[in-house]
Each structure stands twice: as C-alpha cells, then as structure tokens.
N, C-alpha and C. Protein backbone atom coordinates (compact mmCIF):
# COMPACT_ATOMS: atom_id res chain seq x y z
N MET A 1 -34.93 -3.08 18.54
CA MET A 1 -33.93 -3.54 16.95
C MET A 1 -33.54 -3.24 16.25
N ALA A 2 -34.75 -2.38 15.88
CA ALA A 2 -35.50 -1.86 14.77
C ALA A 2 -33.69 -0.29 14.39
N ARG A 3 -33.66 0.51 15.74
CA ARG A 3 -32.55 0.99 15.28
C ARG A 3 -31.75 0.28 16.25
N LEU A 4 -30.83 -0.87 16.27
CA LEU A 4 -29.60 -1.41 16.21
C LEU A 4 -29.65 -1.70 14.71
N ILE A 5 -29.62 -1.66 13.88
CA ILE A 5 -29.92 -2.72 13.02
C ILE A 5 -28.67 -1.27 12.47
N PRO A 6 -28.78 -0.48 11.74
CA PRO A 6 -28.38 0.41 11.20
C PRO A 6 -27.17 0.85 11.56
N LEU A 7 -27.27 0.61 12.93
CA LEU A 7 -25.79 1.04 14.04
C LEU A 7 -24.67 -0.05 13.65
N VAL A 8 -25.50 -0.93 13.51
CA VAL A 8 -24.24 -2.05 13.50
C VAL A 8 -24.20 -2.17 11.25
N LEU A 9 -25.02 -1.55 11.01
CA LEU A 9 -24.48 -1.28 8.97
C LEU A 9 -22.95 -0.39 9.45
N ILE A 10 -23.74 0.44 9.76
CA ILE A 10 -22.76 1.84 9.73
C ILE A 10 -21.24 1.06 10.38
N ALA A 11 -21.75 0.73 11.39
CA ALA A 11 -19.93 -0.21 12.10
C ALA A 11 -19.36 -0.25 10.90
N LEU A 12 -20.10 -1.42 10.30
CA LEU A 12 -19.58 -2.61 9.65
C LEU A 12 -19.09 -1.92 7.95
N ALA A 13 -19.68 -0.63 7.92
CA ALA A 13 -19.45 0.25 6.29
C ALA A 13 -17.81 1.04 6.46
N LEU A 14 -17.88 1.33 8.38
CA LEU A 14 -16.63 1.65 8.99
C LEU A 14 -15.33 1.11 8.54
N TRP A 15 -15.42 -0.44 9.35
CA TRP A 15 -14.13 -1.02 9.60
C TRP A 15 -14.03 -1.19 8.87
N PHE A 16 -14.66 -1.93 7.35
CA PHE A 16 -13.99 -2.03 5.98
C PHE A 16 -13.22 -1.55 5.50
N TRP A 17 -14.02 0.13 5.74
CA TRP A 17 -13.33 1.36 5.27
C TRP A 17 -11.15 1.82 5.62
N PHE A 18 -11.87 1.50 6.65
CA PHE A 18 -11.16 1.58 7.32
C PHE A 18 -9.85 0.89 7.19
N ARG A 19 -10.01 -0.53 7.18
CA ARG A 19 -8.98 -1.68 6.63
C ARG A 19 -8.90 -1.47 5.51
N ALA A 20 -9.58 -0.78 4.16
CA ALA A 20 -9.43 -1.15 2.93
C ALA A 20 -8.24 -0.09 3.28
N ARG A 21 -8.31 1.27 3.90
CA ARG A 21 -7.50 2.36 3.28
C ARG A 21 -6.23 1.65 3.96
N LYS A 22 -6.04 1.05 5.24
CA LYS A 22 -4.57 0.87 5.42
C LYS A 22 -3.51 0.06 4.45
N LYS A 23 -5.37 -1.07 4.25
CA LYS A 23 -4.21 -2.25 3.42
C LYS A 23 -3.54 -1.13 2.08
N THR A 24 -4.65 -0.05 1.27
CA THR A 24 -3.88 0.44 0.31
C THR A 24 -3.14 1.29 0.83
N ALA A 25 -2.56 2.18 1.68
CA ALA A 25 -1.65 2.80 2.45
C ALA A 25 0.08 1.19 2.15
N ALA A 26 -0.76 0.68 2.20
CA ALA A 26 0.43 -0.76 2.89
C ALA A 26 1.01 -0.83 1.09
N TYR A 27 -0.09 -0.93 0.54
CA TYR A 27 0.66 -1.93 -0.78
C TYR A 27 1.44 -0.68 -1.62
N MET A 28 0.82 0.92 -1.38
CA MET A 28 1.47 1.74 -1.95
C MET A 28 2.44 1.80 -1.55
N ASP A 29 2.90 2.34 -0.19
CA ASP A 29 4.15 2.37 -0.04
C ASP A 29 5.54 1.33 0.16
N SER A 30 4.98 -0.12 -0.57
CA SER A 30 5.15 -0.87 -1.36
C SER A 30 5.59 -1.23 -2.50
N TYR A 31 5.10 -0.17 -2.73
CA TYR A 31 4.97 -0.08 -4.47
C TYR A 31 6.13 1.13 -4.56
N GLU A 32 6.15 1.84 -3.65
CA GLU A 32 6.74 3.08 -3.93
C GLU A 32 8.42 2.63 -3.17
N ALA A 33 8.18 1.89 -2.66
CA ALA A 33 8.94 1.68 -1.90
C ALA A 33 11.31 1.15 -2.17
N PRO A 34 10.51 0.65 -3.79
CA PRO A 34 12.19 0.30 -4.22
C PRO A 34 12.51 1.64 -5.57
N GLU A 35 11.21 2.18 -5.93
CA GLU A 35 12.58 3.71 -5.95
C GLU A 35 13.28 4.53 -6.06
N ALA A 36 12.10 5.16 -4.72
CA ALA A 36 12.77 5.68 -2.87
C ALA A 36 13.86 5.22 -3.14
N HIS A 37 14.31 3.68 -2.42
CA HIS A 37 15.40 3.15 -2.76
C HIS A 37 16.64 2.75 -4.13
N ALA A 38 15.95 3.22 -4.51
CA ALA A 38 16.67 3.13 -6.21
C ALA A 38 18.25 4.70 -6.36
N ARG A 39 17.00 5.57 -5.80
CA ARG A 39 17.09 6.87 -6.21
C ARG A 39 18.36 7.81 -4.31
N ASP A 40 18.28 6.94 -3.93
CA ASP A 40 19.20 7.06 -3.12
C ASP A 40 20.59 6.66 -3.33
N ARG A 41 20.72 5.44 -3.15
CA ARG A 41 22.12 4.85 -3.80
C ARG A 41 22.97 5.83 -5.51
N HIS A 42 23.67 5.42 -4.20
CA HIS A 42 24.54 6.84 -5.38
C HIS A 42 25.47 5.67 -6.48
N ASP A 43 25.83 4.39 -5.98
CA ASP A 43 26.65 3.12 -6.61
C ASP A 43 26.23 2.86 -7.67
N HIS A 44 24.96 3.44 -8.64
CA HIS A 44 23.86 2.42 -9.41
C HIS A 44 24.37 1.93 -10.12
N ARG A 45 24.84 0.68 -10.39
CA ARG A 45 25.55 0.00 -11.71
C ARG A 45 24.36 0.34 -13.10
N GLY A 46 24.70 0.00 -13.81
CA GLY A 46 24.20 -0.30 -15.20
C GLY A 46 23.85 -1.29 -15.83
N PRO A 47 23.90 -1.76 -17.01
CA PRO A 47 23.40 -3.49 -17.44
C PRO A 47 24.81 -3.78 -17.31
N PRO A 48 24.64 -5.31 -16.83
CA PRO A 48 26.28 -5.62 -17.53
C PRO A 48 26.57 -5.75 -18.49
N ALA A 49 28.42 -5.74 -18.86
CA ALA A 49 28.57 -5.30 -20.41
C ALA A 49 28.69 -6.53 -21.10
N PRO A 50 28.44 -6.65 -22.84
CA PRO A 50 28.62 -8.09 -23.22
C PRO A 50 29.00 -9.44 -23.07
N ALA A 51 29.28 -10.69 -23.22
CA ALA A 51 30.42 -10.58 -23.81
C ALA A 51 31.36 -10.98 -24.81
N PRO A 52 32.43 -10.85 -25.13
CA PRO A 52 32.96 -10.72 -25.91
C PRO A 52 33.59 -11.72 -27.15
C-alpha cells in the first residue's frame, strides 16, 4: 500500500499536466485564429466613413 500511494499521486499529476497542456493549446488556437483569418482575407475593409 505504501508503494501504491506515490504511483497514484504521480499518475494524477501527469493527468492534470496533460489536461492543462490540452486546454492551453486550445486557448492559444482560439486566441490566434481571428488574426490568422483576418490576414487571409483579401477584401479587408477599413472603418466605415463618417456620415455627412
């Protein structure tokens, strides 16, 4: 039993670490996506002209 506790703790630490890496990668992809899509568009429009 004394040998099992450290193994369980290590397994939990690895699980949380991989889970955090996956969530971080998903966040970075969602953060960088709008900039990449704006760069790919050729018909980029500026701000609307002011009304007279």
